[in-house]
Amino acid sequence: MKRNFWTLVWLLVVGWPAIYGQTIPIEGVVLDSITRQPLPGATVVVRPAERGTTTDGGGRFTLSVPVLPQRLSISYVGYGPVELELNERPADPLLIVLRPEATELEQVVVSPDNQPLPLSDGDEYVVVDFALTGE
């Protein structure tokens, strides 16, 4: 009886990392929706674990996830983000297409140092002296 107990303990200790150390590789490519060109440097993150990677020069990525289901969040500067739910291991690499997203910036006024700026209520300005001279 004692021998069976220690055999069971030994099997649990040896087998535990093998059971919980398994990961599932997820591969894919991130493309532009209009040109179908790869997007190098796109961010692919597993949520909520916050583990992730970036795409290579060909827009490809490989990411290991511990278990499924998982949620992937894919983003790239100037493009709308994509959320993807993975419920089972994909047979082929994922094809993820991001759409360009226009972002309008606020107006910036640059004027010489000696001219007063016309300010309306709520406007802010910053005076930058010697920014390019290093002083």
N, C-alpha and C. Protein backbone atom coordinates (compact mmCIF):
# COMPACT_ATOMS: atom_id res chain seq x y z
N MET A 1 0.82 -1.20 0.00
CA MET A 1 0.00 0.00 0.00
C MET A 1 0.86 1.26 0.00
N LYS A 2 1.91 1.21 0.84
CA LYS A 2 2.80 2.36 0.92
C LYS A 2 3.52 2.57 -0.41
N ARG A 3 3.88 1.48 -1.05
CA ARG A 3 4.58 1.56 -2.33
C ARG A 3 3.68 2.17 -3.40
N ASN A 4 2.41 1.80 -3.42
CA ASN A 4 1.46 2.37 -4.38
C ASN A 4 1.30 3.87 -4.17
N PHE A 5 1.28 4.29 -2.92
CA PHE A 5 1.15 5.71 -2.61
C PHE A 5 2.33 6.48 -3.18
N TRP A 6 3.56 6.01 -2.94
CA TRP A 6 4.75 6.72 -3.42
C TRP A 6 4.86 6.65 -4.95
N THR A 7 4.39 5.59 -5.54
CA THR A 7 4.37 5.50 -7.00
C THR A 7 3.42 6.54 -7.57
N LEU A 8 2.27 6.70 -6.96
CA LEU A 8 1.30 7.70 -7.39
C LEU A 8 1.87 9.11 -7.23
N VAL A 9 2.51 9.38 -6.10
CA VAL A 9 3.12 10.70 -5.88
C VAL A 9 4.18 10.96 -6.94
N TRP A 10 5.02 9.97 -7.23
CA TRP A 10 6.08 10.14 -8.22
C TRP A 10 5.49 10.41 -9.61
N LEU A 11 4.44 9.71 -9.99
CA LEU A 11 3.79 9.93 -11.28
C LEU A 11 3.19 11.33 -11.38
N LEU A 12 2.60 11.82 -10.30
CA LEU A 12 2.05 13.17 -10.31
C LEU A 12 3.14 14.22 -10.45
N VAL A 13 4.23 14.04 -9.72
CA VAL A 13 5.33 15.01 -9.79
C VAL A 13 5.96 15.03 -11.17
N VAL A 14 6.18 13.87 -11.75
CA VAL A 14 6.80 13.79 -13.07
C VAL A 14 5.83 14.21 -14.17
N GLY A 15 4.58 13.85 -14.06
CA GLY A 15 3.60 14.11 -15.11
C GLY A 15 2.98 15.49 -15.09
N TRP A 16 3.03 16.17 -13.96
CA TRP A 16 2.38 17.48 -13.82
C TRP A 16 2.88 18.50 -14.85
N PRO A 17 4.19 18.70 -15.03
CA PRO A 17 4.63 19.66 -16.04
C PRO A 17 4.21 19.28 -17.45
N ALA A 18 4.17 18.00 -17.73
CA ALA A 18 3.77 17.57 -19.08
C ALA A 18 2.31 17.89 -19.34
N ILE A 19 1.48 17.78 -18.32
CA ILE A 19 0.05 18.06 -18.49
C ILE A 19 -0.20 19.55 -18.67
N TYR A 20 0.40 20.37 -17.82
CA TYR A 20 0.12 21.80 -17.84
C TYR A 20 1.13 22.61 -18.64
N GLY A 21 2.17 21.98 -19.17
CA GLY A 21 3.16 22.69 -19.94
C GLY A 21 2.85 22.74 -21.42
N GLN A 22 1.74 22.15 -21.84
CA GLN A 22 1.40 22.12 -23.25
C GLN A 22 0.87 23.47 -23.70
N THR A 23 1.31 23.88 -24.88
CA THR A 23 0.79 25.11 -25.47
C THR A 23 0.34 24.80 -26.89
N ILE A 24 -0.53 25.65 -27.40
CA ILE A 24 -1.07 25.48 -28.75
C ILE A 24 -0.50 26.60 -29.62
N PRO A 25 0.25 26.27 -30.67
CA PRO A 25 0.80 27.32 -31.54
C PRO A 25 -0.29 27.87 -32.46
N ILE A 26 -0.36 29.18 -32.53
CA ILE A 26 -1.29 29.88 -33.43
C ILE A 26 -0.44 30.66 -34.42
N GLU A 27 -0.67 30.42 -35.71
CA GLU A 27 0.07 31.12 -36.76
C GLU A 27 -0.91 31.91 -37.60
N GLY A 28 -0.42 33.00 -38.19
CA GLY A 28 -1.28 33.79 -39.04
C GLY A 28 -0.51 34.85 -39.79
N VAL A 29 -1.24 35.58 -40.62
CA VAL A 29 -0.68 36.69 -41.38
C VAL A 29 -1.67 37.85 -41.31
N VAL A 30 -1.14 39.08 -41.18
CA VAL A 30 -1.96 40.28 -41.09
C VAL A 30 -1.76 41.09 -42.37
N LEU A 31 -2.89 41.40 -43.05
CA LEU A 31 -2.85 42.10 -44.34
C LEU A 31 -3.68 43.37 -44.32
N ASP A 32 -3.34 44.29 -45.23
CA ASP A 32 -4.14 45.49 -45.49
C ASP A 32 -5.37 45.08 -46.29
N SER A 33 -6.54 45.61 -45.94
CA SER A 33 -7.78 45.20 -46.61
C SER A 33 -7.88 45.69 -48.04
N ILE A 34 -7.21 46.78 -48.38
CA ILE A 34 -7.32 47.34 -49.73
C ILE A 34 -6.25 46.78 -50.66
N THR A 35 -5.00 46.85 -50.23
CA THR A 35 -3.89 46.45 -51.09
C THR A 35 -3.51 44.98 -50.94
N ARG A 36 -3.98 44.32 -49.89
CA ARG A 36 -3.62 42.94 -49.55
C ARG A 36 -2.11 42.79 -49.30
N GLN A 37 -1.46 43.90 -48.96
CA GLN A 37 -0.04 43.87 -48.61
C GLN A 37 0.10 43.49 -47.14
N PRO A 38 1.19 42.78 -46.77
CA PRO A 38 1.40 42.44 -45.36
C PRO A 38 1.69 43.68 -44.53
N LEU A 39 1.31 43.62 -43.26
CA LEU A 39 1.54 44.73 -42.34
C LEU A 39 2.62 44.32 -41.33
N PRO A 40 3.88 44.67 -41.59
CA PRO A 40 4.95 44.33 -40.64
C PRO A 40 4.86 45.19 -39.40
N GLY A 41 5.05 44.59 -38.24
CA GLY A 41 5.01 45.34 -36.98
C GLY A 41 3.64 45.44 -36.36
N ALA A 42 2.63 44.76 -36.91
CA ALA A 42 1.31 44.75 -36.29
C ALA A 42 1.40 43.99 -34.96
N THR A 43 0.60 44.41 -33.99
CA THR A 43 0.63 43.82 -32.66
C THR A 43 -0.47 42.78 -32.53
N VAL A 44 -0.10 41.58 -32.06
CA VAL A 44 -1.06 40.50 -31.82
C VAL A 44 -0.95 40.13 -30.34
N VAL A 45 -2.06 40.33 -29.59
CA VAL A 45 -2.05 40.13 -28.14
C VAL A 45 -3.15 39.16 -27.75
N VAL A 46 -2.83 38.25 -26.81
CA VAL A 46 -3.82 37.34 -26.23
C VAL A 46 -4.45 38.06 -25.05
N ARG A 47 -5.77 38.20 -25.06
CA ARG A 47 -6.48 38.86 -23.96
C ARG A 47 -7.17 37.81 -23.12
N PRO A 48 -7.27 37.91 -21.85
CA PRO A 48 -6.78 38.97 -20.96
C PRO A 48 -5.37 38.73 -20.45
N ALA A 49 -4.67 37.72 -20.97
CA ALA A 49 -3.33 37.39 -20.46
C ALA A 49 -2.31 38.47 -20.78
N GLU A 50 -2.59 39.32 -21.77
CA GLU A 50 -1.69 40.40 -22.16
C GLU A 50 -0.33 39.88 -22.63
N ARG A 51 -0.31 38.69 -23.20
CA ARG A 51 0.90 38.18 -23.84
C ARG A 51 0.74 38.35 -25.33
N GLY A 52 1.83 38.67 -26.01
CA GLY A 52 1.67 38.87 -27.43
C GLY A 52 2.97 38.89 -28.19
N THR A 53 2.85 39.29 -29.47
CA THR A 53 3.98 39.35 -30.37
C THR A 53 3.69 40.40 -31.44
N THR A 54 4.66 40.61 -32.32
CA THR A 54 4.46 41.49 -33.47
C THR A 54 4.72 40.69 -34.74
N THR A 55 4.16 41.18 -35.83
CA THR A 55 4.34 40.48 -37.10
C THR A 55 5.72 40.78 -37.68
N ASP A 56 6.23 39.85 -38.48
CA ASP A 56 7.54 40.04 -39.11
C ASP A 56 7.37 40.86 -40.39
N GLY A 57 8.42 40.93 -41.21
CA GLY A 57 8.39 41.72 -42.43
C GLY A 57 7.35 41.26 -43.44
N GLY A 58 6.96 40.01 -43.38
CA GLY A 58 5.93 39.48 -44.27
C GLY A 58 4.54 39.49 -43.67
N GLY A 59 4.38 40.13 -42.50
CA GLY A 59 3.09 40.20 -41.83
C GLY A 59 2.72 38.93 -41.08
N ARG A 60 3.66 37.97 -40.97
CA ARG A 60 3.39 36.69 -40.31
C ARG A 60 3.70 36.76 -38.81
N PHE A 61 2.98 35.94 -38.05
CA PHE A 61 3.23 35.84 -36.62
C PHE A 61 3.00 34.41 -36.16
N THR A 62 3.65 34.06 -35.05
CA THR A 62 3.44 32.79 -34.37
C THR A 62 3.32 33.10 -32.89
N LEU A 63 2.30 32.54 -32.26
CA LEU A 63 2.03 32.81 -30.86
C LEU A 63 1.57 31.52 -30.20
N SER A 64 2.09 31.23 -29.03
CA SER A 64 1.68 30.03 -28.30
C SER A 64 0.69 30.41 -27.21
N VAL A 65 -0.45 29.72 -27.20
CA VAL A 65 -1.46 29.96 -26.17
C VAL A 65 -1.60 28.70 -25.33
N PRO A 66 -1.86 28.85 -24.02
CA PRO A 66 -1.92 27.68 -23.15
C PRO A 66 -3.14 26.79 -23.40
N VAL A 67 -4.29 27.38 -23.55
CA VAL A 67 -5.52 26.62 -23.74
C VAL A 67 -6.46 27.41 -24.64
N LEU A 68 -7.45 26.75 -25.16
CA LEU A 68 -8.50 27.41 -25.93
C LEU A 68 -9.79 27.29 -25.14
N PRO A 69 -10.71 28.21 -25.25
CA PRO A 69 -10.76 29.36 -26.15
C PRO A 69 -9.90 30.52 -25.65
N GLN A 70 -9.48 31.35 -26.60
CA GLN A 70 -8.71 32.56 -26.33
C GLN A 70 -9.23 33.68 -27.22
N ARG A 71 -8.99 34.91 -26.81
CA ARG A 71 -9.34 36.08 -27.62
C ARG A 71 -8.05 36.75 -28.06
N LEU A 72 -7.91 36.95 -29.38
CA LEU A 72 -6.77 37.67 -29.93
C LEU A 72 -7.19 39.08 -30.28
N SER A 73 -6.32 40.03 -29.98
CA SER A 73 -6.53 41.42 -30.34
C SER A 73 -5.40 41.82 -31.27
N ILE A 74 -5.75 42.26 -32.49
CA ILE A 74 -4.76 42.62 -33.50
C ILE A 74 -4.91 44.10 -33.80
N SER A 75 -3.79 44.84 -33.75
CA SER A 75 -3.84 46.28 -34.01
C SER A 75 -2.60 46.73 -34.77
N TYR A 76 -2.75 47.87 -35.46
CA TYR A 76 -1.66 48.47 -36.23
C TYR A 76 -1.96 49.95 -36.35
N VAL A 77 -0.93 50.77 -36.29
CA VAL A 77 -1.12 52.22 -36.35
C VAL A 77 -1.77 52.61 -37.67
N GLY A 78 -2.85 53.40 -37.59
CA GLY A 78 -3.56 53.84 -38.78
C GLY A 78 -4.63 52.88 -39.27
N TYR A 79 -4.84 51.78 -38.53
CA TYR A 79 -5.83 50.78 -38.91
C TYR A 79 -6.75 50.50 -37.73
N GLY A 80 -7.98 50.11 -38.03
CA GLY A 80 -8.91 49.74 -36.98
C GLY A 80 -8.53 48.40 -36.37
N PRO A 81 -8.64 48.25 -35.04
CA PRO A 81 -8.28 46.99 -34.40
C PRO A 81 -9.30 45.89 -34.71
N VAL A 82 -8.85 44.63 -34.59
CA VAL A 82 -9.70 43.47 -34.81
C VAL A 82 -9.61 42.57 -33.59
N GLU A 83 -10.76 42.11 -33.09
CA GLU A 83 -10.83 41.13 -32.00
C GLU A 83 -11.27 39.81 -32.61
N LEU A 84 -10.56 38.74 -32.28
CA LEU A 84 -10.84 37.43 -32.86
C LEU A 84 -10.94 36.40 -31.75
N GLU A 85 -12.04 35.65 -31.73
CA GLU A 85 -12.25 34.61 -30.72
C GLU A 85 -11.83 33.26 -31.31
N LEU A 86 -10.89 32.59 -30.63
CA LEU A 86 -10.43 31.27 -31.07
C LEU A 86 -11.02 30.22 -30.14
N ASN A 87 -11.90 29.38 -30.67
CA ASN A 87 -12.52 28.32 -29.87
C ASN A 87 -11.87 26.96 -30.10
N GLU A 88 -11.20 26.81 -31.25
CA GLU A 88 -10.50 25.56 -31.55
C GLU A 88 -9.24 25.88 -32.33
N ARG A 89 -8.34 24.93 -32.35
CA ARG A 89 -7.07 25.14 -33.04
C ARG A 89 -7.31 25.23 -34.54
N PRO A 90 -6.87 26.33 -35.18
CA PRO A 90 -7.08 26.45 -36.62
C PRO A 90 -6.20 25.47 -37.39
N ALA A 91 -6.77 24.88 -38.45
CA ALA A 91 -6.02 23.93 -39.28
C ALA A 91 -4.99 24.65 -40.14
N ASP A 92 -5.34 25.84 -40.62
CA ASP A 92 -4.46 26.63 -41.48
C ASP A 92 -4.08 27.91 -40.74
N PRO A 93 -3.02 28.59 -41.20
CA PRO A 93 -2.69 29.89 -40.59
C PRO A 93 -3.85 30.87 -40.74
N LEU A 94 -4.06 31.70 -39.72
CA LEU A 94 -5.13 32.68 -39.74
C LEU A 94 -4.83 33.77 -40.76
N LEU A 95 -5.85 34.24 -41.46
CA LEU A 95 -5.73 35.37 -42.38
C LEU A 95 -6.51 36.52 -41.75
N ILE A 96 -5.79 37.54 -41.29
CA ILE A 96 -6.41 38.65 -40.58
C ILE A 96 -6.25 39.90 -41.44
N VAL A 97 -7.36 40.57 -41.74
CA VAL A 97 -7.36 41.74 -42.60
C VAL A 97 -7.75 42.96 -41.77
N LEU A 98 -6.90 43.99 -41.80
CA LEU A 98 -7.18 45.23 -41.08
C LEU A 98 -7.57 46.32 -42.07
N ARG A 99 -8.55 47.13 -41.68
CA ARG A 99 -9.02 48.23 -42.53
C ARG A 99 -8.36 49.54 -42.11
N PRO A 100 -7.93 50.34 -43.10
CA PRO A 100 -7.38 51.65 -42.76
C PRO A 100 -8.43 52.50 -42.06
N GLU A 101 -8.00 53.29 -41.10
CA GLU A 101 -8.91 54.12 -40.32
C GLU A 101 -8.35 55.53 -40.28
N ALA A 102 -9.09 56.47 -40.84
CA ALA A 102 -8.64 57.86 -40.86
C ALA A 102 -8.90 58.50 -39.50
N THR A 103 -7.90 59.20 -39.02
CA THR A 103 -8.02 59.91 -37.75
C THR A 103 -7.75 61.38 -38.01
N GLU A 104 -8.69 62.22 -37.64
CA GLU A 104 -8.52 63.65 -37.85
C GLU A 104 -7.89 64.27 -36.62
N LEU A 105 -6.83 65.04 -36.85
CA LEU A 105 -6.13 65.70 -35.76
C LEU A 105 -6.62 67.13 -35.61
N GLU A 106 -6.40 67.69 -34.43
CA GLU A 106 -6.77 69.08 -34.20
C GLU A 106 -5.78 70.01 -34.87
N GLN A 107 -6.22 71.24 -35.11
CA GLN A 107 -5.42 72.24 -35.77
C GLN A 107 -4.27 72.71 -34.88
N VAL A 108 -3.11 72.94 -35.50
CA VAL A 108 -1.95 73.47 -34.79
C VAL A 108 -1.56 74.77 -35.46
N VAL A 109 -1.34 75.84 -34.67
CA VAL A 109 -0.95 77.15 -35.18
C VAL A 109 0.48 77.42 -34.75
N VAL A 110 1.34 77.71 -35.73
CA VAL A 110 2.73 78.07 -35.45
C VAL A 110 2.91 79.51 -35.85
N SER A 111 3.43 80.33 -34.92
CA SER A 111 3.63 81.75 -35.23
C SER A 111 4.99 82.20 -34.72
N PRO A 112 5.50 83.33 -35.27
CA PRO A 112 6.78 83.87 -34.78
C PRO A 112 6.66 84.27 -33.31
N ASP A 113 7.80 84.42 -32.65
CA ASP A 113 7.87 84.68 -31.22
C ASP A 113 7.23 86.01 -30.81
N ASN A 114 7.31 87.03 -31.65
CA ASN A 114 6.88 88.36 -31.23
C ASN A 114 5.43 88.67 -31.53
N GLN A 115 4.70 87.78 -32.15
CA GLN A 115 3.31 88.06 -32.47
C GLN A 115 2.40 87.41 -31.44
N PRO A 116 1.43 88.16 -30.93
CA PRO A 116 0.48 87.55 -29.99
C PRO A 116 -0.44 86.58 -30.74
N LEU A 117 -0.81 85.54 -30.05
CA LEU A 117 -1.71 84.55 -30.63
C LEU A 117 -3.15 84.92 -30.34
N PRO A 118 -4.01 84.84 -31.35
CA PRO A 118 -5.43 85.05 -31.08
C PRO A 118 -5.99 83.79 -30.41
N LEU A 119 -6.39 83.92 -29.16
CA LEU A 119 -6.91 82.78 -28.42
C LEU A 119 -8.40 82.95 -28.17
N SER A 120 -9.12 81.89 -28.34
CA SER A 120 -10.52 81.90 -27.95
C SER A 120 -10.64 81.10 -26.67
N ASP A 121 -11.81 81.12 -26.07
CA ASP A 121 -12.00 80.41 -24.81
C ASP A 121 -11.71 78.92 -24.98
N GLY A 122 -10.94 78.38 -24.07
CA GLY A 122 -10.65 76.95 -24.09
C GLY A 122 -9.40 76.58 -24.86
N ASP A 123 -8.81 77.52 -25.63
CA ASP A 123 -7.59 77.21 -26.37
C ASP A 123 -6.40 77.18 -25.43
N GLU A 124 -5.45 76.37 -25.76
CA GLU A 124 -4.21 76.28 -24.98
C GLU A 124 -3.04 76.47 -25.91
N TYR A 125 -1.94 76.98 -25.37
CA TYR A 125 -0.73 77.07 -26.16
C TYR A 125 0.47 76.83 -25.27
N VAL A 126 1.55 76.44 -25.91
CA VAL A 126 2.79 76.17 -25.21
C VAL A 126 3.89 76.96 -25.89
N VAL A 127 4.70 77.67 -25.11
CA VAL A 127 5.83 78.42 -25.64
C VAL A 127 7.06 77.53 -25.56
N VAL A 128 7.70 77.33 -26.71
CA VAL A 128 8.90 76.51 -26.76
C VAL A 128 10.07 77.43 -27.10
N ASP A 129 10.97 77.65 -26.14
CA ASP A 129 12.15 78.48 -26.37
C ASP A 129 13.37 77.61 -26.51
N PHE A 130 14.19 77.92 -27.45
CA PHE A 130 15.48 77.26 -27.64
C PHE A 130 15.33 75.75 -27.82
N ALA A 131 14.27 75.31 -28.41
CA ALA A 131 14.04 73.88 -28.56
C ALA A 131 15.06 73.24 -29.50
N LEU A 132 15.46 73.96 -30.53
CA LEU A 132 16.37 73.38 -31.50
C LEU A 132 17.83 73.68 -31.20
N THR A 133 18.09 74.61 -30.30
CA THR A 133 19.48 74.96 -30.00
C THR A 133 20.04 74.16 -28.85
N GLY A 134 19.22 73.43 -28.14
CA GLY A 134 19.67 72.60 -27.03
C GLY A 134 19.88 73.34 -25.73
N GLU A 135 19.40 74.56 -25.63
CA GLU A 135 19.56 75.33 -24.39
C GLU A 135 18.37 75.17 -23.48
